Amino acid sequence: MVAAMEDPAGTMRLARYLAHAGVASRRGAERLVAEGRVSVDGELVRDPARGVGDANIVAVDGRPLAGREPRATLVLHKPVGVVSTASDPQGRRTVVQLVDAGDRRLYPVGRLDADSSGLILLTNDGELANLLTHPRYEVAKTYRVRLAAPVGAAVVRTLRAGVLLDDGPTAPARVKRLAPDTIEITIREGRNRQVRRMCTAVGARVAELTRVAFGPLTLDGLAPGSSRELTPAEVAALRSAAL
């Protein structure tokens, strides 16, 4: 169950307030507070549980926030070569640059590496981002993987059972063989480049990887590089997938 809901007095935890203001995810907001970069009514605050509301002046790095932004969540079909960050020191194109954010400060939910394509979410809703990325909620993510060579039934069985990676064994996965060189794999973990590493562990080299579903959402009807805002019903379905 999600904690730290807004209380009857209209206040909420500082970290959650920052997340709702679009500054960062809730965990990112907690780091900002711990680093001494957040003040409330001119006073430096290091407690992310401090209660604040719209009557308070909350500032990050000395700049006052306008308040909580209306929540927004977009789905994007990320092309290969685009990085899943809000900015990139190497000057590469980012997922945030591909969407029409307006004045909203959107950030990606989780990562999809630059060599991969497919479904990624962007939001200013820190609570939703935490639900979708925290390991304990085990939200399913499905990938279509084209391999450099055909794979047999033994490889599929091994992937289904789970494989040993350098950071420990993976949980069992749902795997379907769509063609001699193509599989669809669904995982509920979120390790770095996990699907690529799983395939490498069983001797299968990935030629192309696309995330085709995140929880109940799919890429259906979304061309590479295009995005759309989720409906309230779709956001509710995402929340339900994590609870």
Foldseek 3Di string as FASTA:
>chain_A
DDDFDQDPVAKTFQLQFCLQLLNDASVVSLVQLCVQQKDKQPHGHNGRRDIDHPVIFMDGNPHTGPGGDPKWKKKAWADAFEWQFQDDPVPTHHPVVLDCQDPHNWHWQATDHNRATEITMIISRNVLSCLQAPLVLQWKWKKKFFWPFFDDPVLQVDQQPWDADPVGTFHGWDKDDPDRGMMMIMGRHRDDVVVQRSCVRSPIHTPYMYTADTRPDGCPPHDHSDMDIDDPVVSVSSNVSRD
